Amino acid sequence: MEEERTITPLPKALPIIALILLLLGIMLNPFIPTIFSEDQLSKNPLFSGIPFVLIFASIILFFMSFIWWITNRLNFRVSDKAYNRIEKIIIAGIVLGIIFMFQPWVFVLFRYGFYLLLFSTLAFMVWSHVTAAAPVDEATAELAAE
């Protein structure tokens, strides 16, 4: 049985809501000290964290939109062999990033290890949503050639 290969369009509201939350978080940041008193901000740090929460939520929604877009572009279009190679490269990046971060000798490797680990982890999150094309068996390939 062949897998269903439908492309679901990106919900238009997702990036729009992300953009609205980002703009709200950026615009609200300078007004928090004027809206709440110093005493209120010291007693309830959640008030000063409102812009951070809005900006963080927008980043998550943008990342969700990016994953949705990538999966619609690559699903069932990447060969199984290429898919596995890319996945192994990403996992190797994660392992190298961890090794670089935990070595105690060179601080530069710690910095690059952090970036490598961050990039590889995000890449793995995206790549785990991509579906590889079904592997072609020899019998099916022979029938298609005839």
Protein backbone atom coordinates (compact mmCIF):
# COMPACT_ATOMS: atom_id res chain seq x y z
CA MET A 1 0.00 0.00 0.00
CA GLU A 2 1.41 3.38 -0.99
CA GLU A 3 1.78 6.10 1.61
CA GLU A 4 -0.43 9.13 1.24
CA ARG A 5 1.60 12.04 -0.13
CA THR A 6 -0.48 15.07 0.60
CA ILE A 7 0.86 18.53 1.15
CA THR A 8 -0.96 20.39 3.86
CA PRO A 9 -0.68 24.14 3.49
CA LEU A 10 0.81 26.17 6.30
CA PRO A 11 -1.92 27.74 8.40
CA LYS A 12 -1.70 31.44 7.58
CA ALA A 13 -2.55 32.38 11.16
CA LEU A 14 0.56 30.70 12.60
CA PRO A 15 3.24 33.12 11.32
CA ILE A 16 0.84 36.07 11.65
CA ILE A 17 0.25 35.33 15.33
CA ALA A 18 4.01 34.84 15.79
CA LEU A 19 4.69 38.24 14.24
CA ILE A 20 2.03 39.92 16.40
CA LEU A 21 3.45 38.36 19.58
CA LEU A 22 6.98 39.41 18.60
CA LEU A 23 5.92 43.00 17.96
CA LEU A 24 3.91 43.10 21.21
CA GLY A 25 6.87 41.79 23.18
CA ILE A 26 9.26 44.32 21.66
CA MET A 27 6.87 47.27 22.06
CA LEU A 28 5.79 46.32 25.59
CA ASN A 29 9.34 46.03 26.96
CA PRO A 30 9.96 49.78 27.53
CA PHE A 31 6.47 50.32 28.99
CA ILE A 32 6.61 47.68 31.74
CA PRO A 33 8.44 50.00 34.23
CA THR A 34 5.87 52.74 33.57
CA ILE A 35 2.83 50.45 33.90
CA PHE A 36 3.93 48.71 37.12
CA SER A 37 5.58 50.30 40.13
CA GLU A 38 9.02 49.22 41.34
CA ASP A 39 7.35 47.60 44.34
CA GLN A 40 4.97 45.59 42.13
CA LEU A 41 7.85 44.46 39.91
CA SER A 42 9.92 43.35 42.91
CA LYS A 43 7.01 41.40 44.44
CA ASN A 44 5.88 39.80 41.20
CA PRO A 45 8.68 39.22 38.66
CA LEU A 46 6.13 37.76 36.23
CA PHE A 47 5.14 41.31 35.29
CA SER A 48 8.64 42.10 34.07
CA GLY A 49 8.75 38.74 32.27
CA ILE A 50 5.71 39.44 30.07
CA PRO A 51 7.79 40.72 27.10
CA PHE A 52 10.12 37.73 27.37
CA VAL A 53 7.19 35.29 27.33
CA LEU A 54 5.65 37.00 24.30
CA ILE A 55 8.94 37.00 22.37
CA PHE A 56 9.69 33.39 23.36
CA ALA A 57 6.22 32.26 22.23
CA SER A 58 6.74 34.02 18.90
CA ILE A 59 10.08 32.23 18.40
CA ILE A 60 8.40 28.87 19.06
CA LEU A 61 5.61 29.68 16.58
CA PHE A 62 8.12 30.80 13.93
CA PHE A 63 10.06 27.55 14.44
CA MET A 64 6.83 25.56 14.08
CA SER A 65 6.10 27.42 10.84
CA PHE A 66 9.61 26.66 9.58
CA ILE A 67 9.23 22.95 10.38
CA TRP A 68 5.87 22.88 8.64
CA TRP A 69 7.33 24.57 5.55
CA ILE A 70 10.39 22.27 5.40
CA THR A 71 8.37 19.09 5.79
CA ASN A 72 6.00 20.11 3.01
CA ARG A 73 9.00 20.73 0.74
CA LEU A 74 10.99 17.58 1.58
CA ASN A 75 8.51 14.86 2.59
CA PHE A 76 8.81 11.81 0.31
CA ARG A 77 11.35 13.65 -1.88
CA VAL A 78 14.55 12.65 -0.05
CA SER A 79 15.86 9.17 -0.76
CA ASP A 80 16.13 6.80 2.16
CA LYS A 81 19.91 6.60 1.72
CA ALA A 82 20.36 10.40 1.75
CA TYR A 83 17.95 10.74 4.66
CA ASN A 84 19.98 8.28 6.78
CA ARG A 85 23.28 9.97 5.89
CA ILE A 86 22.01 13.41 6.85
CA GLU A 87 20.57 12.04 10.08
CA LYS A 88 23.94 10.46 10.97
CA ILE A 89 25.75 13.74 10.22
CA ILE A 90 23.36 15.61 12.51
CA ILE A 91 23.81 13.05 15.30
CA ALA A 92 27.60 13.26 14.87
CA GLY A 93 27.29 17.05 15.26
CA ILE A 94 25.42 16.56 18.52
CA VAL A 95 28.04 14.15 19.85
CA LEU A 96 30.94 16.41 18.78
CA GLY A 97 29.22 19.42 20.32
CA ILE A 98 28.91 17.59 23.64
CA ILE A 99 32.54 16.45 23.50
CA PHE A 100 33.75 19.99 22.69
CA MET A 101 31.68 21.45 25.52
CA PHE A 102 32.98 19.03 28.14
CA GLN A 103 36.68 19.13 27.29
CA PRO A 104 38.53 21.23 29.88
CA TRP A 105 41.55 22.43 27.86
CA VAL A 106 40.53 24.87 25.11
CA PHE A 107 37.88 27.51 25.76
CA VAL A 108 37.36 28.21 22.04
CA LEU A 109 36.24 24.60 21.56
CA PHE A 110 33.70 25.11 24.34
CA ARG A 111 32.19 28.06 22.46
CA TYR A 112 32.13 26.27 19.11
CA GLY A 113 30.86 23.14 20.81
CA PHE A 114 27.90 25.06 22.19
CA TYR A 115 27.03 26.45 18.76
CA LEU A 116 27.50 23.06 17.12
CA LEU A 117 25.30 21.39 19.72
CA LEU A 118 22.63 24.08 19.39
CA PHE A 119 22.58 23.96 15.59
CA SER A 120 22.65 20.15 15.50
CA THR A 121 19.84 19.84 18.03
CA LEU A 122 17.65 22.28 16.09
CA ALA A 123 18.52 20.49 12.84
CA PHE A 124 17.57 17.16 14.42
CA MET A 125 14.23 18.58 15.51
CA VAL A 126 13.51 19.70 11.97
CA TRP A 127 14.90 16.57 10.28
CA SER A 128 12.91 14.23 12.53
CA HIS A 129 9.73 15.66 10.97
CA VAL A 130 10.84 14.88 7.40
CA THR A 131 9.69 11.57 5.93
CA ALA A 132 12.07 9.78 3.58
CA ALA A 133 10.89 8.37 0.28
CA ALA A 134 9.99 4.71 0.44
CA PRO A 135 12.94 2.50 -0.51
CA VAL A 136 12.54 0.93 -3.93
CA ASP A 137 12.75 -2.88 -3.99
CA GLU A 138 14.34 -4.58 -6.95
CA ALA A 139 11.09 -6.29 -8.01
CA THR A 140 9.25 -2.95 -8.18
CA ALA A 141 12.16 -1.33 -10.05
CA GLU A 142 12.15 -4.13 -12.65
CA LEU A 143 8.39 -3.78 -13.18
CA ALA A 144 8.74 -0.02 -13.60
CA ALA A 145 11.56 -0.48 -16.12
CA GLU A 146 9.39 -2.74 -18.34
